[in-house]
Amino acid sequence: MANKTKLLIATSNQGKLKEFSLLLPDFKIISQKSLNLAPEEETGTTFYENSLHKARAGAIKSSLLSLGDDSGLIVPALGNMPGLRSARYAHENATDEENRNYLKNELKKIGVNKTKAYFVCILTIIKNAEDPFPLISTGILNGIVSIESRGQNGFGYDEMFYPKNYKESLAEMSLERKSEISHRGKAIRDLKNKIDKFSK
């Protein structure tokens, strides 16, 4: 078997790493943790800025082809929150459960049990820190978010999110099925054609 190109995924989220490993089988996925790299602070004002910042920082620290992911849940009825603060909605070091409970309470405050929402994923890949042409892709998954949690799979807000035209939550789906429709799956598939040209 030919040697696979190493690709640093600039995230410490184990759920995301599993999805990348499934959807990018032609690459040897390298995690930040395996290189003892600390996660970057998300200081940007957009998903695009954070994604690029993570990719560039990863490339600087590892000297590897590097991919930055910034993604989140958008709930228009809550002023587009949690948005950029999806991983830190309840507080700075919040667990997934704390974030979900906080979101449920925010929904109850506005008197709804469920409402329209969408997940967004922005991916940026760069060859090295000086790369002047980062490749960027976007994936969006529409659906509703509900105070009713179902399922044991997934991570983050998956058990509260019900994709449009599906009765199951993301957390009730297998990783393979989720990846077929998810925001991250869409972004990765969009990026694959660019990666094929980019990595030669």
Protein backbone atom coordinates (compact mmCIF):
# COMPACT_ATOMS: atom_id res chain seq x y z
CA MET A 1 0.00 0.00 0.00
CA ALA A 2 1.35 3.41 -0.99
CA ASN A 3 2.33 5.79 1.77
CA LYS A 4 -0.52 8.11 2.63
CA THR A 5 -0.05 11.86 2.78
CA LYS A 6 -0.01 13.08 6.37
CA LEU A 7 -2.75 15.56 7.20
CA LEU A 8 -2.86 17.40 10.51
CA ILE A 9 -6.42 17.99 11.70
CA ALA A 10 -6.26 21.12 13.83
CA THR A 11 -8.79 20.01 16.44
CA SER A 12 -8.82 18.22 19.76
CA ASN A 13 -12.42 17.07 19.32
CA GLN A 14 -12.42 13.27 19.18
CA GLY A 15 -15.83 13.17 17.51
CA LYS A 16 -14.58 15.33 14.65
CA LEU A 17 -11.43 13.23 14.28
CA LYS A 18 -13.53 10.08 13.83
CA GLU A 19 -15.53 11.76 11.08
CA PHE A 20 -12.41 12.97 9.30
CA SER A 21 -10.81 9.52 9.48
CA LEU A 22 -13.94 7.99 7.93
CA LEU A 23 -14.33 10.58 5.19
CA LEU A 24 -10.66 11.08 4.27
CA PRO A 25 -9.39 7.49 3.96
CA ASP A 26 -6.63 8.46 1.50
CA PHE A 27 -4.84 10.50 4.13
CA LYS A 28 -3.01 9.58 7.30
CA ILE A 29 -4.86 11.66 9.86
CA ILE A 30 -2.62 13.28 12.47
CA SER A 31 -4.21 14.74 15.58
CA GLN A 32 -2.95 17.74 17.52
CA LYS A 33 -2.83 15.61 20.65
CA SER A 34 -0.45 13.09 19.06
CA LEU A 35 2.01 15.94 18.48
CA ASN A 36 1.40 17.52 21.90
CA LEU A 37 0.00 20.66 20.30
CA ALA A 38 -2.38 22.82 22.31
CA PRO A 39 -5.63 23.85 20.61
CA GLU A 40 -5.77 27.37 19.24
CA GLU A 41 -8.04 29.99 20.77
CA GLU A 42 -10.98 30.91 18.57
CA THR A 43 -10.44 34.64 18.37
CA GLY A 44 -12.04 35.33 14.98
CA THR A 45 -15.39 36.98 14.40
CA THR A 46 -16.43 34.46 11.73
CA PHE A 47 -16.19 30.71 11.20
CA TYR A 48 -13.94 31.43 8.21
CA GLU A 49 -11.42 33.38 10.27
CA ASN A 50 -11.25 30.70 12.96
CA SER A 51 -10.90 27.90 10.42
CA LEU A 52 -8.01 29.63 8.63
CA HIS A 53 -6.32 30.54 11.92
CA LYS A 54 -6.42 26.92 13.09
CA ALA A 55 -5.07 25.62 9.79
CA ARG A 56 -2.22 28.12 9.65
CA ALA A 57 -1.25 27.59 13.30
CA GLY A 58 -1.27 23.84 12.74
CA ALA A 59 0.98 24.17 9.70
CA ILE A 60 3.41 26.43 11.56
CA LYS A 61 3.69 24.07 14.52
CA SER A 62 3.77 20.77 12.61
CA SER A 63 5.21 21.60 9.16
CA LEU A 64 2.47 19.35 7.77
CA LEU A 65 -0.40 19.78 5.39
CA SER A 66 -2.96 21.18 7.81
CA LEU A 67 -6.76 21.35 7.96
CA GLY A 68 -8.68 23.74 10.18
CA ASP A 69 -12.32 23.12 11.07
CA ASP A 70 -14.66 25.62 12.61
CA SER A 71 -18.27 24.63 12.97
CA GLY A 72 -21.28 25.39 15.09
CA LEU A 73 -25.00 25.39 15.62
CA ILE A 74 -27.05 28.39 14.53
CA VAL A 75 -30.48 28.97 16.08
CA PRO A 76 -32.08 32.04 14.45
CA ALA A 77 -34.73 32.34 17.21
CA LEU A 78 -31.90 32.81 19.72
CA GLY A 79 -30.19 35.58 17.78
CA ASN A 80 -28.06 33.04 15.86
CA MET A 81 -26.58 31.62 19.04
CA PRO A 82 -24.76 29.49 20.06
CA GLY A 83 -22.90 30.19 16.77
CA LEU A 84 -19.20 30.80 17.26
CA ARG A 85 -19.60 29.92 20.94
CA SER A 86 -21.12 26.48 20.28
CA ALA A 87 -18.38 24.66 22.19
CA ARG A 88 -18.42 27.22 25.01
CA TYR A 89 -22.10 28.17 25.17
CA ALA A 90 -22.69 27.42 28.86
CA HIS A 91 -19.24 28.65 29.95
CA GLU A 92 -15.63 28.63 28.77
CA ASN A 93 -14.86 25.02 29.74
CA ALA A 94 -18.33 23.59 29.30
CA THR A 95 -18.99 19.92 28.62
CA ASP A 96 -21.31 18.82 25.82
CA GLU A 97 -24.00 18.06 28.38
CA GLU A 98 -23.71 21.48 30.00
CA ASN A 99 -24.02 23.16 26.61
CA ARG A 100 -27.08 21.11 25.71
CA ASN A 101 -28.76 21.90 29.02
CA TYR A 102 -27.99 25.58 28.58
CA LEU A 103 -29.52 25.53 25.10
CA LYS A 104 -32.64 23.77 26.40
CA ASN A 105 -33.07 26.47 29.05
CA GLU A 106 -32.64 29.23 26.47
CA LEU A 107 -35.34 27.64 24.31
CA LYS A 108 -37.68 27.40 27.28
CA LYS A 109 -37.08 31.08 28.06
CA ILE A 110 -38.52 32.05 24.69
CA GLY A 111 -41.38 29.58 25.12
CA VAL A 112 -40.54 27.00 22.47
CA ASN A 113 -39.84 23.28 22.61
CA LYS A 114 -38.34 23.18 19.14
CA THR A 115 -37.34 25.63 16.44
CA LYS A 116 -35.52 25.87 13.13
CA ALA A 117 -31.75 25.62 13.28
CA TYR A 118 -28.80 24.67 11.15
CA PHE A 119 -25.26 23.40 11.54
CA VAL A 120 -22.45 25.01 9.57
CA CYS A 121 -18.93 23.70 8.95
CA ILE A 122 -16.08 25.68 7.40
CA LEU A 123 -12.93 23.77 6.41
CA THR A 124 -9.64 25.36 5.39
CA ILE A 125 -6.62 23.43 4.16
CA ILE A 126 -3.14 24.83 3.57
CA LYS A 127 0.17 23.31 2.50
CA ASN A 128 2.35 25.39 4.81
CA ALA A 129 2.37 28.57 6.85
CA GLU A 130 3.33 30.71 3.82
CA ASP A 131 0.70 29.22 1.52
CA PRO A 132 -0.97 32.20 -0.25
CA PHE A 133 -3.93 30.18 -1.50
CA PRO A 134 -5.84 28.37 1.26
CA LEU A 135 -8.63 26.11 0.02
CA ILE A 136 -11.97 26.64 1.75
CA SER A 137 -15.20 24.65 1.71
CA THR A 138 -18.56 25.06 3.40
CA GLY A 139 -21.20 22.58 4.53
CA ILE A 140 -24.65 23.35 5.94
CA LEU A 141 -27.24 21.02 7.47
CA ASN A 142 -30.76 22.37 8.01
CA GLY A 143 -33.20 21.00 10.57
CA ILE A 144 -34.69 21.73 13.94
CA VAL A 145 -33.31 21.79 17.45
CA SER A 146 -35.51 20.37 20.21
CA ILE A 147 -35.49 20.19 23.98
CA GLU A 148 -36.10 16.45 23.48
CA SER A 149 -32.77 14.64 23.35
CA ARG A 150 -32.55 11.25 21.66
CA GLY A 151 -29.73 8.89 20.77
CA GLN A 152 -26.37 7.84 22.16
CA ASN A 153 -24.13 8.42 19.15
CA GLY A 154 -22.50 11.62 18.04
CA PHE A 155 -21.32 14.53 20.17
CA GLY A 156 -22.08 18.15 20.91
CA TYR A 157 -25.69 19.02 20.11
CA ASP A 158 -26.32 15.93 17.94
CA GLU A 159 -28.94 14.40 20.22
CA MET A 160 -30.99 17.61 20.12
CA PHE A 161 -30.75 18.15 16.37
CA TYR A 162 -33.21 16.61 13.92
CA PRO A 163 -32.19 17.07 10.26
CA LYS A 164 -34.81 18.29 7.80
CA ASN A 165 -36.89 15.40 6.39
CA TYR A 166 -35.56 12.95 9.03
CA LYS A 167 -37.37 11.70 12.13
CA GLU A 168 -34.18 10.67 13.93
CA SER A 169 -31.74 12.94 15.68
CA LEU A 170 -28.13 12.96 14.49
CA ALA A 171 -27.24 11.00 17.63
CA GLU A 172 -29.57 8.18 16.59
CA MET A 173 -27.70 7.67 13.32
CA SER A 174 -24.60 5.59 12.72
CA LEU A 175 -21.43 7.56 12.00
CA GLU A 176 -21.57 6.41 8.38
CA ARG A 177 -25.18 7.53 7.90
CA LYS A 178 -24.63 10.81 9.71
CA SER A 179 -21.62 11.55 7.51
CA GLU A 180 -23.72 11.13 4.38
CA ILE A 181 -25.90 14.12 5.29
CA SER A 182 -23.97 16.14 7.87
CA HIS A 183 -22.55 19.62 7.47
CA ARG A 184 -19.04 18.24 7.96
CA GLY A 185 -19.62 15.44 5.47
CA LYS A 186 -20.80 17.96 2.88
CA ALA A 187 -17.82 20.23 3.50
CA ILE A 188 -15.37 17.35 3.25
CA ARG A 189 -16.84 16.07 0.00
CA ASP A 190 -16.68 19.60 -1.41
CA LEU A 191 -13.04 19.78 -0.35
CA LYS A 192 -12.01 16.40 -1.78
CA ASN A 193 -11.83 17.57 -5.39
CA LYS A 194 -9.67 20.50 -4.32
CA ILE A 195 -7.46 18.24 -2.19
CA ASP A 196 -6.82 15.90 -5.14
CA LYS A 197 -5.32 18.77 -7.12
CA PHE A 198 -3.83 20.48 -4.12
CA SER A 199 -1.77 17.57 -2.75
CA LYS A 200 -0.10 16.52 -6.02
